[in-house]
Amino acid sequence: MSEQHLELNPKKTALVLIDLQGAIVARDTAPYKAQEVIARSRQLAEAVRRVGGTVVYVHVMMGDMPQRVTDVQRPSASGPMPPGATDIVPEAGMQKGDILITKRQWGAFHATSLDQQLRRKGIDTIVLSGIATNMGVESTARSAQEHDYQIVFAEDAMTSVSAELHEFAVKKIFPMIGRVRTTEQILAALKPS
């Protein structure tokens, strides 16, 4: 992680937590376990709220995602989704007043009100965490960059299905579109305004 100084203006910063929902956090993840990511994401959310920032939870309606012809098929659910599959897990600490975004693609901006809600609040910086690093997080980040947001990645508050996929995004993609930091560095940069 870079040691370059990071400052975050809470009034212009939103923490966007990707897919901390039942079916996704139940998967095997690496390099961090889902429970570690949830705990760090909750810590970030509590800190952002404390200093007056905006907290956004994003979940995906997996059964509503369009099926595409690809070389690698996503596993399809047989039968109905189990209870809680698309619900934000309680351990993630969602609170009244937080924004909830429902998506039907990998990224949180496509066909949702995320950009509109952030702009209404004067947000210009997004801190990203969640699962999976190279899917929902990366897709959201690419769109955030295209929408001209500053982006900070909470590297140890995100994870993927393999350490290799996580590392590639964190080391090769994210530094080109934002700043990669640890949860500790982000917490230190959150000062009350």
N, C-alpha and C. Protein backbone atom coordinates (compact mmCIF):
# COMPACT_ATOMS: atom_id res chain seq x y z
N MET A 1 0.84 -1.18 0.00
CA MET A 1 0.00 0.00 0.00
C MET A 1 0.88 1.24 0.00
N SER A 2 0.40 2.25 -0.64
CA SER A 2 1.13 3.51 -0.70
C SER A 2 1.12 4.19 0.65
N GLU A 3 2.20 4.88 0.94
CA GLU A 3 2.27 5.65 2.19
C GLU A 3 1.93 7.11 1.95
N GLN A 4 1.55 7.45 0.71
CA GLN A 4 1.15 8.82 0.40
C GLN A 4 -0.01 9.23 1.31
N HIS A 5 0.04 10.44 1.80
CA HIS A 5 -0.96 10.95 2.75
C HIS A 5 -2.36 10.92 2.14
N LEU A 6 -3.32 10.50 2.93
CA LEU A 6 -4.71 10.44 2.49
C LEU A 6 -5.56 11.29 3.43
N GLU A 7 -6.35 12.18 2.86
CA GLU A 7 -7.32 12.96 3.62
C GLU A 7 -8.68 12.77 2.99
N LEU A 8 -9.70 12.57 3.83
CA LEU A 8 -11.05 12.39 3.33
C LEU A 8 -11.97 13.41 3.99
N ASN A 9 -12.70 14.15 3.19
CA ASN A 9 -13.69 15.09 3.70
C ASN A 9 -14.99 14.30 3.91
N PRO A 10 -15.40 14.08 5.16
CA PRO A 10 -16.57 13.23 5.43
C PRO A 10 -17.83 13.67 4.70
N LYS A 11 -18.04 14.96 4.56
CA LYS A 11 -19.25 15.46 3.92
C LYS A 11 -19.30 15.13 2.42
N LYS A 12 -18.13 14.86 1.84
CA LYS A 12 -18.06 14.57 0.41
C LYS A 12 -17.65 13.13 0.13
N THR A 13 -17.68 12.29 1.19
CA THR A 13 -17.21 10.91 1.07
C THR A 13 -18.35 9.93 1.34
N ALA A 14 -18.44 8.90 0.51
CA ALA A 14 -19.38 7.81 0.73
C ALA A 14 -18.62 6.50 0.77
N LEU A 15 -18.94 5.68 1.76
CA LEU A 15 -18.45 4.30 1.82
C LEU A 15 -19.47 3.45 1.08
N VAL A 16 -19.03 2.73 0.07
CA VAL A 16 -19.92 1.87 -0.71
C VAL A 16 -19.49 0.42 -0.47
N LEU A 17 -20.37 -0.34 0.18
CA LEU A 17 -20.11 -1.72 0.58
C LEU A 17 -20.80 -2.66 -0.41
N ILE A 18 -20.03 -3.48 -1.07
CA ILE A 18 -20.55 -4.30 -2.16
C ILE A 18 -20.87 -5.73 -1.71
N ASP A 19 -22.13 -6.11 -1.88
CA ASP A 19 -22.61 -7.50 -1.81
C ASP A 19 -22.29 -8.25 -0.52
N LEU A 20 -22.44 -7.59 0.61
CA LEU A 20 -22.26 -8.28 1.90
C LEU A 20 -23.59 -8.92 2.27
N GLN A 21 -23.98 -9.88 1.47
CA GLN A 21 -25.29 -10.51 1.58
C GLN A 21 -25.13 -12.02 1.76
N GLY A 22 -26.19 -12.64 2.26
CA GLY A 22 -26.15 -14.04 2.66
C GLY A 22 -25.46 -15.00 1.72
N ALA A 23 -25.91 -15.08 0.47
CA ALA A 23 -25.38 -16.07 -0.46
C ALA A 23 -23.93 -15.80 -0.84
N ILE A 24 -23.52 -14.55 -0.84
CA ILE A 24 -22.15 -14.22 -1.26
C ILE A 24 -21.16 -14.40 -0.12
N VAL A 25 -21.50 -13.97 1.08
CA VAL A 25 -20.56 -14.12 2.19
C VAL A 25 -20.43 -15.58 2.62
N ALA A 26 -21.32 -16.45 2.16
CA ALA A 26 -21.23 -17.88 2.48
C ALA A 26 -20.19 -18.60 1.63
N ARG A 27 -19.70 -17.96 0.59
CA ARG A 27 -18.72 -18.59 -0.31
C ARG A 27 -17.33 -18.62 0.30
N ASP A 28 -16.50 -19.53 -0.19
CA ASP A 28 -15.09 -19.54 0.19
C ASP A 28 -14.42 -18.36 -0.50
N THR A 29 -13.65 -17.59 0.25
CA THR A 29 -12.99 -16.40 -0.31
C THR A 29 -11.52 -16.37 0.08
N ALA A 30 -10.76 -15.58 -0.68
CA ALA A 30 -9.33 -15.40 -0.41
C ALA A 30 -8.90 -14.07 -1.02
N PRO A 31 -7.92 -13.39 -0.52
CA PRO A 31 -7.03 -13.81 0.56
C PRO A 31 -7.63 -13.63 1.96
N TYR A 32 -8.75 -12.95 2.06
CA TYR A 32 -9.38 -12.73 3.36
C TYR A 32 -10.67 -13.53 3.45
N LYS A 33 -10.97 -14.00 4.62
CA LYS A 33 -12.25 -14.67 4.85
C LYS A 33 -13.36 -13.63 4.83
N ALA A 34 -14.53 -14.05 4.40
CA ALA A 34 -15.67 -13.13 4.31
C ALA A 34 -15.94 -12.46 5.66
N GLN A 35 -15.80 -13.19 6.76
CA GLN A 35 -16.09 -12.60 8.07
C GLN A 35 -15.09 -11.48 8.42
N GLU A 36 -13.85 -11.60 7.95
CA GLU A 36 -12.87 -10.53 8.16
C GLU A 36 -13.29 -9.28 7.36
N VAL A 37 -13.73 -9.48 6.14
CA VAL A 37 -14.16 -8.37 5.29
C VAL A 37 -15.38 -7.70 5.90
N ILE A 38 -16.32 -8.49 6.38
CA ILE A 38 -17.52 -7.93 7.02
C ILE A 38 -17.13 -7.11 8.23
N ALA A 39 -16.24 -7.63 9.07
CA ALA A 39 -15.84 -6.90 10.29
C ALA A 39 -15.15 -5.59 9.95
N ARG A 40 -14.25 -5.60 8.97
CA ARG A 40 -13.56 -4.35 8.59
C ARG A 40 -14.52 -3.37 7.92
N SER A 41 -15.43 -3.89 7.11
CA SER A 41 -16.42 -3.03 6.45
C SER A 41 -17.32 -2.37 7.49
N ARG A 42 -17.71 -3.13 8.48
CA ARG A 42 -18.55 -2.57 9.56
C ARG A 42 -17.78 -1.49 10.32
N GLN A 43 -16.51 -1.76 10.58
CA GLN A 43 -15.67 -0.77 11.27
C GLN A 43 -15.60 0.52 10.46
N LEU A 44 -15.42 0.40 9.15
CA LEU A 44 -15.40 1.58 8.29
C LEU A 44 -16.75 2.29 8.30
N ALA A 45 -17.84 1.54 8.22
CA ALA A 45 -19.18 2.15 8.22
C ALA A 45 -19.43 2.92 9.51
N GLU A 46 -19.05 2.35 10.64
CA GLU A 46 -19.25 3.05 11.92
C GLU A 46 -18.44 4.34 11.96
N ALA A 47 -17.22 4.30 11.46
CA ALA A 47 -16.38 5.49 11.46
C ALA A 47 -16.91 6.55 10.51
N VAL A 48 -17.36 6.15 9.32
CA VAL A 48 -17.90 7.10 8.35
C VAL A 48 -19.15 7.77 8.92
N ARG A 49 -20.03 6.99 9.52
CA ARG A 49 -21.23 7.58 10.13
C ARG A 49 -20.86 8.56 11.24
N ARG A 50 -19.90 8.17 12.06
CA ARG A 50 -19.49 8.99 13.21
C ARG A 50 -19.01 10.38 12.79
N VAL A 51 -18.36 10.47 11.63
CA VAL A 51 -17.84 11.77 11.18
C VAL A 51 -18.77 12.46 10.19
N GLY A 52 -19.97 11.91 9.98
CA GLY A 52 -20.96 12.57 9.14
C GLY A 52 -20.92 12.22 7.67
N GLY A 53 -20.25 11.11 7.33
CA GLY A 53 -20.22 10.68 5.94
C GLY A 53 -21.43 9.84 5.58
N THR A 54 -21.47 9.39 4.36
CA THR A 54 -22.57 8.61 3.81
C THR A 54 -22.16 7.15 3.70
N VAL A 55 -23.07 6.25 4.11
CA VAL A 55 -22.81 4.82 4.01
C VAL A 55 -23.85 4.20 3.07
N VAL A 56 -23.35 3.44 2.09
CA VAL A 56 -24.20 2.81 1.08
C VAL A 56 -23.94 1.30 1.10
N TYR A 57 -24.99 0.54 1.26
CA TYR A 57 -24.92 -0.92 1.13
C TYR A 57 -25.53 -1.29 -0.21
N VAL A 58 -24.84 -2.17 -0.94
CA VAL A 58 -25.30 -2.62 -2.25
C VAL A 58 -25.50 -4.12 -2.18
N HIS A 59 -26.64 -4.58 -2.70
CA HIS A 59 -26.83 -6.02 -2.83
C HIS A 59 -27.35 -6.33 -4.22
N VAL A 60 -27.10 -7.57 -4.63
CA VAL A 60 -27.47 -7.97 -5.99
C VAL A 60 -28.61 -8.98 -5.90
N MET A 61 -29.58 -8.78 -6.77
CA MET A 61 -30.69 -9.73 -6.90
C MET A 61 -30.23 -10.79 -7.90
N MET A 62 -29.57 -11.81 -7.39
CA MET A 62 -28.91 -12.79 -8.25
C MET A 62 -29.86 -13.48 -9.22
N GLY A 63 -31.05 -13.78 -8.79
CA GLY A 63 -32.01 -14.43 -9.68
C GLY A 63 -32.47 -13.55 -10.82
N ASP A 64 -32.26 -12.23 -10.69
CA ASP A 64 -32.68 -11.28 -11.72
C ASP A 64 -31.56 -10.94 -12.70
N MET A 65 -30.35 -11.43 -12.46
CA MET A 65 -29.24 -11.10 -13.36
C MET A 65 -29.45 -11.80 -14.70
N PRO A 66 -29.24 -11.07 -15.80
CA PRO A 66 -29.43 -11.69 -17.11
C PRO A 66 -28.38 -12.78 -17.36
N GLN A 67 -28.81 -13.84 -17.98
CA GLN A 67 -27.89 -14.91 -18.37
C GLN A 67 -27.29 -14.55 -19.72
N ARG A 68 -26.00 -14.71 -19.86
CA ARG A 68 -25.33 -14.41 -21.10
C ARG A 68 -24.58 -15.65 -21.59
N VAL A 69 -24.29 -15.67 -22.86
CA VAL A 69 -23.47 -16.73 -23.41
C VAL A 69 -22.02 -16.35 -23.16
N THR A 70 -21.33 -17.10 -22.34
CA THR A 70 -19.93 -16.83 -21.98
C THR A 70 -19.15 -18.14 -22.02
N ASP A 71 -17.84 -18.04 -21.98
CA ASP A 71 -17.02 -19.25 -21.96
C ASP A 71 -17.08 -19.96 -20.61
N VAL A 72 -17.27 -19.20 -19.55
CA VAL A 72 -17.41 -19.78 -18.22
C VAL A 72 -18.79 -19.41 -17.70
N GLN A 73 -19.61 -20.38 -17.48
CA GLN A 73 -20.97 -20.12 -17.01
C GLN A 73 -20.98 -19.96 -15.50
N ARG A 74 -21.76 -18.99 -15.05
CA ARG A 74 -21.98 -18.84 -13.61
C ARG A 74 -22.80 -20.03 -13.15
N PRO A 75 -22.55 -20.48 -11.91
CA PRO A 75 -23.40 -21.56 -11.41
C PRO A 75 -24.84 -21.06 -11.34
N SER A 76 -25.76 -21.88 -11.78
CA SER A 76 -27.16 -21.45 -11.72
C SER A 76 -27.81 -22.08 -10.49
N ALA A 77 -28.70 -21.32 -9.91
CA ALA A 77 -29.40 -21.80 -8.73
C ALA A 77 -30.48 -22.77 -9.17
N SER A 78 -30.54 -23.90 -8.50
CA SER A 78 -31.63 -24.82 -8.78
C SER A 78 -32.70 -24.59 -7.72
N GLY A 79 -33.85 -24.22 -8.20
CA GLY A 79 -34.94 -23.93 -7.27
C GLY A 79 -34.85 -22.51 -6.75
N PRO A 80 -35.72 -22.19 -5.80
CA PRO A 80 -35.75 -20.82 -5.27
C PRO A 80 -34.51 -20.51 -4.43
N MET A 81 -34.20 -19.22 -4.33
CA MET A 81 -33.08 -18.77 -3.49
C MET A 81 -33.37 -19.11 -2.03
N PRO A 82 -32.35 -19.49 -1.28
CA PRO A 82 -32.59 -19.74 0.14
C PRO A 82 -32.92 -18.44 0.86
N PRO A 83 -33.62 -18.52 1.99
CA PRO A 83 -33.94 -17.30 2.74
C PRO A 83 -32.66 -16.54 3.09
N GLY A 84 -32.71 -15.22 2.94
CA GLY A 84 -31.58 -14.38 3.28
C GLY A 84 -30.49 -14.30 2.23
N ALA A 85 -30.65 -14.97 1.10
CA ALA A 85 -29.60 -15.00 0.08
C ALA A 85 -29.23 -13.61 -0.42
N THR A 86 -30.22 -12.74 -0.55
CA THR A 86 -29.95 -11.40 -1.08
C THR A 86 -29.99 -10.32 0.00
N ASP A 87 -30.20 -10.72 1.25
CA ASP A 87 -30.25 -9.76 2.35
C ASP A 87 -28.86 -9.41 2.85
N ILE A 88 -28.64 -8.13 3.16
CA ILE A 88 -27.39 -7.72 3.80
C ILE A 88 -27.32 -8.45 5.14
N VAL A 89 -26.17 -9.09 5.42
CA VAL A 89 -26.06 -9.85 6.66
C VAL A 89 -26.04 -8.89 7.85
N PRO A 90 -26.67 -9.26 8.96
CA PRO A 90 -26.73 -8.38 10.13
C PRO A 90 -25.35 -7.95 10.63
N GLU A 91 -24.36 -8.84 10.50
CA GLU A 91 -23.00 -8.52 10.97
C GLU A 91 -22.39 -7.34 10.24
N ALA A 92 -22.92 -7.01 9.06
CA ALA A 92 -22.39 -5.87 8.28
C ALA A 92 -22.81 -4.54 8.89
N GLY A 93 -23.78 -4.56 9.80
CA GLY A 93 -24.09 -3.37 10.58
C GLY A 93 -24.90 -2.30 9.88
N MET A 94 -25.72 -2.66 8.91
CA MET A 94 -26.54 -1.65 8.24
C MET A 94 -27.45 -0.97 9.25
N GLN A 95 -27.55 0.37 9.15
CA GLN A 95 -28.33 1.17 10.09
C GLN A 95 -29.40 1.98 9.35
N LYS A 96 -30.41 2.38 10.10
CA LYS A 96 -31.41 3.29 9.55
C LYS A 96 -30.68 4.55 9.11
N GLY A 97 -31.03 5.05 7.95
CA GLY A 97 -30.36 6.23 7.40
C GLY A 97 -29.30 5.88 6.36
N ASP A 98 -28.82 4.64 6.36
CA ASP A 98 -27.89 4.20 5.31
C ASP A 98 -28.69 4.03 4.02
N ILE A 99 -28.00 4.15 2.91
CA ILE A 99 -28.63 3.96 1.60
C ILE A 99 -28.50 2.49 1.21
N LEU A 100 -29.57 1.92 0.66
CA LEU A 100 -29.53 0.55 0.15
C LEU A 100 -29.77 0.61 -1.36
N ILE A 101 -28.85 0.05 -2.11
CA ILE A 101 -28.94 0.00 -3.57
C ILE A 101 -29.12 -1.45 -3.99
N THR A 102 -30.10 -1.68 -4.84
CA THR A 102 -30.34 -3.02 -5.39
C THR A 102 -29.87 -3.01 -6.84
N LYS A 103 -28.98 -3.95 -7.16
CA LYS A 103 -28.45 -4.03 -8.52
C LYS A 103 -28.78 -5.37 -9.15
N ARG A 104 -28.69 -5.41 -10.45
CA ARG A 104 -28.97 -6.63 -11.20
C ARG A 104 -27.84 -6.93 -12.20
N GLN A 105 -26.73 -6.30 -11.98
CA GLN A 105 -25.50 -6.50 -12.75
C GLN A 105 -24.35 -6.55 -11.75
N TRP A 106 -23.12 -6.73 -12.23
CA TRP A 106 -21.99 -6.74 -11.31
C TRP A 106 -21.79 -5.39 -10.65
N GLY A 107 -21.90 -4.31 -11.42
CA GLY A 107 -21.61 -2.97 -10.92
C GLY A 107 -22.82 -2.31 -10.28
N ALA A 108 -22.55 -1.44 -9.32
CA ALA A 108 -23.60 -0.79 -8.54
C ALA A 108 -24.18 0.46 -9.21
N PHE A 109 -23.59 0.93 -10.30
CA PHE A 109 -24.10 2.12 -10.97
C PHE A 109 -25.11 1.80 -12.07
N HIS A 110 -24.96 0.68 -12.74
CA HIS A 110 -25.79 0.37 -13.90
C HIS A 110 -27.26 0.20 -13.51
N ALA A 111 -28.12 1.05 -14.08
CA ALA A 111 -29.58 0.98 -13.90
C ALA A 111 -30.01 1.05 -12.43
N THR A 112 -29.25 1.81 -11.61
CA THR A 112 -29.63 2.05 -10.22
C THR A 112 -29.65 3.56 -9.98
N SER A 113 -30.04 3.95 -8.79
CA SER A 113 -30.06 5.38 -8.43
C SER A 113 -28.80 5.81 -7.69
N LEU A 114 -27.75 4.98 -7.69
CA LEU A 114 -26.55 5.30 -6.90
C LEU A 114 -25.95 6.65 -7.26
N ASP A 115 -25.69 6.89 -8.52
CA ASP A 115 -25.07 8.16 -8.92
C ASP A 115 -25.94 9.34 -8.51
N GLN A 116 -27.22 9.27 -8.76
CA GLN A 116 -28.14 10.35 -8.41
C GLN A 116 -28.14 10.62 -6.90
N GLN A 117 -28.19 9.57 -6.10
CA GLN A 117 -28.22 9.75 -4.65
C GLN A 117 -26.91 10.36 -4.14
N LEU A 118 -25.79 9.93 -4.69
CA LEU A 118 -24.50 10.48 -4.26
C LEU A 118 -24.37 11.94 -4.67
N ARG A 119 -24.76 12.27 -5.88
CA ARG A 119 -24.65 13.65 -6.35
C ARG A 119 -25.54 14.59 -5.54
N ARG A 120 -26.72 14.13 -5.17
CA ARG A 120 -27.62 14.96 -4.35
C ARG A 120 -26.98 15.29 -3.01
N LYS A 121 -26.11 14.43 -2.52
CA LYS A 121 -25.45 14.66 -1.24
C LYS A 121 -24.11 15.38 -1.39
N GLY A 122 -23.73 15.69 -2.62
CA GLY A 122 -22.46 16.38 -2.85
C GLY A 122 -21.25 15.49 -2.72
N ILE A 123 -21.43 14.20 -2.89
CA ILE A 123 -20.32 13.24 -2.77
C ILE A 123 -19.41 13.32 -3.99
N ASP A 124 -18.09 13.39 -3.74
CA ASP A 124 -17.14 13.32 -4.86
C ASP A 124 -16.11 12.22 -4.68
N THR A 125 -16.14 11.55 -3.52
CA THR A 125 -15.17 10.50 -3.23
C THR A 125 -15.89 9.25 -2.73
N ILE A 126 -15.50 8.10 -3.26
CA ILE A 126 -16.09 6.83 -2.86
C ILE A 126 -15.00 5.94 -2.28
N VAL A 127 -15.26 5.39 -1.10
CA VAL A 127 -14.41 4.36 -0.51
C VAL A 127 -15.13 3.04 -0.78
N LEU A 128 -14.43 2.09 -1.39
CA LEU A 128 -15.05 0.82 -1.76
C LEU A 128 -14.53 -0.34 -0.93
N SER A 129 -15.47 -1.22 -0.55
CA SER A 129 -15.12 -2.49 0.09
C SER A 129 -16.16 -3.52 -0.34
N GLY A 130 -15.91 -4.79 -0.03
CA GLY A 130 -16.90 -5.82 -0.29
C GLY A 130 -16.38 -7.04 -1.01
N ILE A 131 -17.33 -7.79 -1.55
CA ILE A 131 -17.05 -9.07 -2.20
C ILE A 131 -17.79 -9.09 -3.53
N ALA A 132 -17.15 -9.37 -4.59
CA ALA A 132 -15.80 -9.85 -4.80
C ALA A 132 -14.96 -8.75 -5.43
N THR A 133 -13.70 -8.71 -5.02
CA THR A 133 -12.77 -7.68 -5.46
C THR A 133 -12.81 -7.45 -6.96
N ASN A 134 -12.65 -8.54 -7.72
CA ASN A 134 -12.50 -8.43 -9.17
C ASN A 134 -13.82 -8.51 -9.93
N MET A 135 -14.92 -8.56 -9.20
CA MET A 135 -16.23 -8.60 -9.87
C MET A 135 -17.03 -7.37 -9.48
N GLY A 136 -17.84 -7.46 -8.43
CA GLY A 136 -18.69 -6.34 -8.04
C GLY A 136 -17.92 -5.09 -7.68
N VAL A 137 -16.81 -5.24 -6.94
CA VAL A 137 -16.03 -4.06 -6.53
C VAL A 137 -15.38 -3.42 -7.76
N GLU A 138 -14.72 -4.23 -8.56
CA GLU A 138 -14.02 -3.67 -9.72
C GLU A 138 -14.99 -3.07 -10.73
N SER A 139 -16.11 -3.72 -10.98
CA SER A 139 -17.09 -3.19 -11.92
C SER A 139 -17.65 -1.86 -11.41
N THR A 140 -17.94 -1.77 -10.13
CA THR A 140 -18.42 -0.52 -9.54
C THR A 140 -17.35 0.55 -9.64
N ALA A 141 -16.10 0.19 -9.38
CA ALA A 141 -15.00 1.16 -9.44
C ALA A 141 -14.80 1.71 -10.84
N ARG A 142 -14.85 0.85 -11.83
CA ARG A 142 -14.67 1.32 -13.21
C ARG A 142 -15.77 2.32 -13.58
N SER A 143 -16.99 2.02 -13.18
CA SER A 143 -18.09 2.94 -13.46
C SER A 143 -17.95 4.23 -12.65
N ALA A 144 -17.52 4.11 -11.40
CA ALA A 144 -17.32 5.31 -10.57
C ALA A 144 -16.29 6.23 -11.22
N GLN A 145 -15.24 5.65 -11.76
CA GLN A 145 -14.22 6.46 -12.45
C GLN A 145 -14.83 7.15 -13.66
N GLU A 146 -15.66 6.44 -14.40
CA GLU A 146 -16.31 7.03 -15.57
C GLU A 146 -17.29 8.13 -15.19
N HIS A 147 -17.80 8.07 -13.94
CA HIS A 147 -18.70 9.11 -13.42
C HIS A 147 -17.92 10.23 -12.71
N ASP A 148 -16.59 10.19 -12.79
CA ASP A 148 -15.70 11.22 -12.25
C ASP A 148 -15.63 11.28 -10.72
N TYR A 149 -15.82 10.16 -10.05
CA TYR A 149 -15.61 10.11 -8.61
C TYR A 149 -14.15 9.80 -8.31
N GLN A 150 -13.65 10.35 -7.20
CA GLN A 150 -12.37 9.93 -6.66
C GLN A 150 -12.63 8.59 -5.95
N ILE A 151 -11.70 7.66 -6.02
CA ILE A 151 -11.94 6.33 -5.47
C ILE A 151 -10.80 5.94 -4.53
N VAL A 152 -11.19 5.39 -3.38
CA VAL A 152 -10.24 4.82 -2.43
C VAL A 152 -10.67 3.37 -2.21
N PHE A 153 -9.74 2.45 -2.35
CA PHE A 153 -10.02 1.02 -2.19
C PHE A 153 -9.54 0.55 -0.83
N ALA A 154 -10.42 -0.04 -0.04
CA ALA A 154 -10.05 -0.62 1.26
C ALA A 154 -9.57 -2.05 1.00
N GLU A 155 -8.30 -2.20 0.70
CA GLU A 155 -7.76 -3.47 0.22
C GLU A 155 -8.05 -4.64 1.15
N ASP A 156 -7.94 -4.45 2.44
CA ASP A 156 -8.16 -5.56 3.37
C ASP A 156 -9.62 -5.66 3.82
N ALA A 157 -10.50 -4.87 3.22
CA ALA A 157 -11.94 -4.96 3.47
C ALA A 157 -12.65 -5.41 2.20
N MET A 158 -11.91 -6.14 1.37
CA MET A 158 -12.48 -6.77 0.18
C MET A 158 -11.76 -8.09 -0.05
N THR A 159 -12.39 -8.97 -0.77
CA THR A 159 -11.81 -10.28 -1.04
C THR A 159 -12.48 -10.86 -2.27
N SER A 160 -11.94 -11.98 -2.75
CA SER A 160 -12.47 -12.59 -3.96
C SER A 160 -12.56 -14.10 -3.79
N VAL A 161 -12.76 -14.80 -4.91
CA VAL A 161 -12.83 -16.26 -4.86
C VAL A 161 -11.45 -16.89 -4.86
N SER A 162 -10.41 -16.08 -5.16
CA SER A 162 -9.03 -16.57 -5.05
C SER A 162 -8.12 -15.38 -4.75
N ALA A 163 -7.02 -15.67 -4.07
CA ALA A 163 -6.05 -14.62 -3.76
C ALA A 163 -5.47 -14.03 -5.04
N GLU A 164 -5.28 -14.87 -6.06
CA GLU A 164 -4.71 -14.41 -7.33
C GLU A 164 -5.60 -13.35 -8.00
N LEU A 165 -6.90 -13.58 -8.03
CA LEU A 165 -7.81 -12.61 -8.64
C LEU A 165 -7.85 -11.31 -7.84
N HIS A 166 -7.86 -11.42 -6.53
CA HIS A 166 -7.83 -10.23 -5.67
C HIS A 166 -6.55 -9.43 -5.92
N GLU A 167 -5.41 -10.10 -5.89
CA GLU A 167 -4.12 -9.42 -6.05
C GLU A 167 -3.99 -8.74 -7.40
N PHE A 168 -4.48 -9.39 -8.45
CA PHE A 168 -4.38 -8.77 -9.78
C PHE A 168 -5.12 -7.44 -9.80
N ALA A 169 -6.36 -7.43 -9.30
CA ALA A 169 -7.14 -6.19 -9.29
C ALA A 169 -6.47 -5.13 -8.43
N VAL A 170 -6.02 -5.52 -7.24
CA VAL A 170 -5.45 -4.57 -6.29
C VAL A 170 -4.13 -3.99 -6.76
N LYS A 171 -3.32 -4.82 -7.42
CA LYS A 171 -1.99 -4.36 -7.82
C LYS A 171 -1.92 -3.80 -9.24
N LYS A 172 -2.78 -4.28 -10.14
CA LYS A 172 -2.67 -3.88 -11.54
C LYS A 172 -3.76 -2.92 -12.01
N ILE A 173 -4.98 -3.07 -11.51
CA ILE A 173 -6.10 -2.26 -11.99
C ILE A 173 -6.37 -1.06 -11.08
N PHE A 174 -6.58 -1.32 -9.80
CA PHE A 174 -7.01 -0.27 -8.88
C PHE A 174 -6.06 0.92 -8.78
N PRO A 175 -4.73 0.73 -8.78
CA PRO A 175 -3.84 1.90 -8.69
C PRO A 175 -3.95 2.84 -9.88
N MET A 176 -4.50 2.35 -11.01
CA MET A 176 -4.65 3.21 -12.18
C MET A 176 -5.92 4.06 -12.11
N ILE A 177 -6.87 3.69 -11.23
CA ILE A 177 -8.12 4.45 -11.18
C ILE A 177 -8.44 5.02 -9.80
N GLY A 178 -7.57 4.75 -8.83
CA GLY A 178 -7.82 5.28 -7.49
C GLY A 178 -6.63 5.05 -6.59
N ARG A 179 -6.88 5.10 -5.29
CA ARG A 179 -5.84 4.92 -4.29
C ARG A 179 -6.16 3.68 -3.46
N VAL A 180 -5.19 2.82 -3.31
CA VAL A 180 -5.36 1.57 -2.57
C VAL A 180 -4.78 1.76 -1.17
N ARG A 181 -5.60 1.54 -0.16
CA ARG A 181 -5.18 1.74 1.22
C ARG A 181 -5.71 0.62 2.10
N THR A 182 -5.19 0.54 3.31
CA THR A 182 -5.69 -0.41 4.30
C THR A 182 -6.85 0.23 5.05
N THR A 183 -7.61 -0.60 5.73
CA THR A 183 -8.68 -0.08 6.59
C THR A 183 -8.11 0.91 7.60
N GLU A 184 -6.99 0.57 8.19
CA GLU A 184 -6.35 1.44 9.18
C GLU A 184 -6.01 2.80 8.60
N GLN A 185 -5.46 2.83 7.39
CA GLN A 185 -5.12 4.11 6.75
C GLN A 185 -6.37 4.92 6.45
N ILE A 186 -7.44 4.27 6.05
CA ILE A 186 -8.69 4.98 5.76
C ILE A 186 -9.30 5.54 7.04
N LEU A 187 -9.30 4.75 8.09
CA LEU A 187 -9.82 5.23 9.39
C LEU A 187 -9.05 6.46 9.86
N ALA A 188 -7.74 6.45 9.67
CA ALA A 188 -6.92 7.59 10.09
C ALA A 188 -7.21 8.83 9.26
N ALA A 189 -7.67 8.64 8.02
CA ALA A 189 -7.94 9.78 7.14
C ALA A 189 -9.33 10.38 7.35
N LEU A 190 -10.18 9.71 8.11
CA LEU A 190 -11.55 10.20 8.35
C LEU A 190 -11.54 11.13 9.57
N LYS A 191 -11.59 12.40 9.31
CA LYS A 191 -11.60 13.40 10.37
C LYS A 191 -12.94 14.11 10.35
N PRO A 192 -13.51 14.41 11.52
CA PRO A 192 -14.76 15.17 11.54
C PRO A 192 -14.57 16.53 10.86
N SER A 193 -15.61 16.95 10.12
CA SER A 193 -15.50 18.25 9.45
C SER A 193 -16.21 19.33 10.23
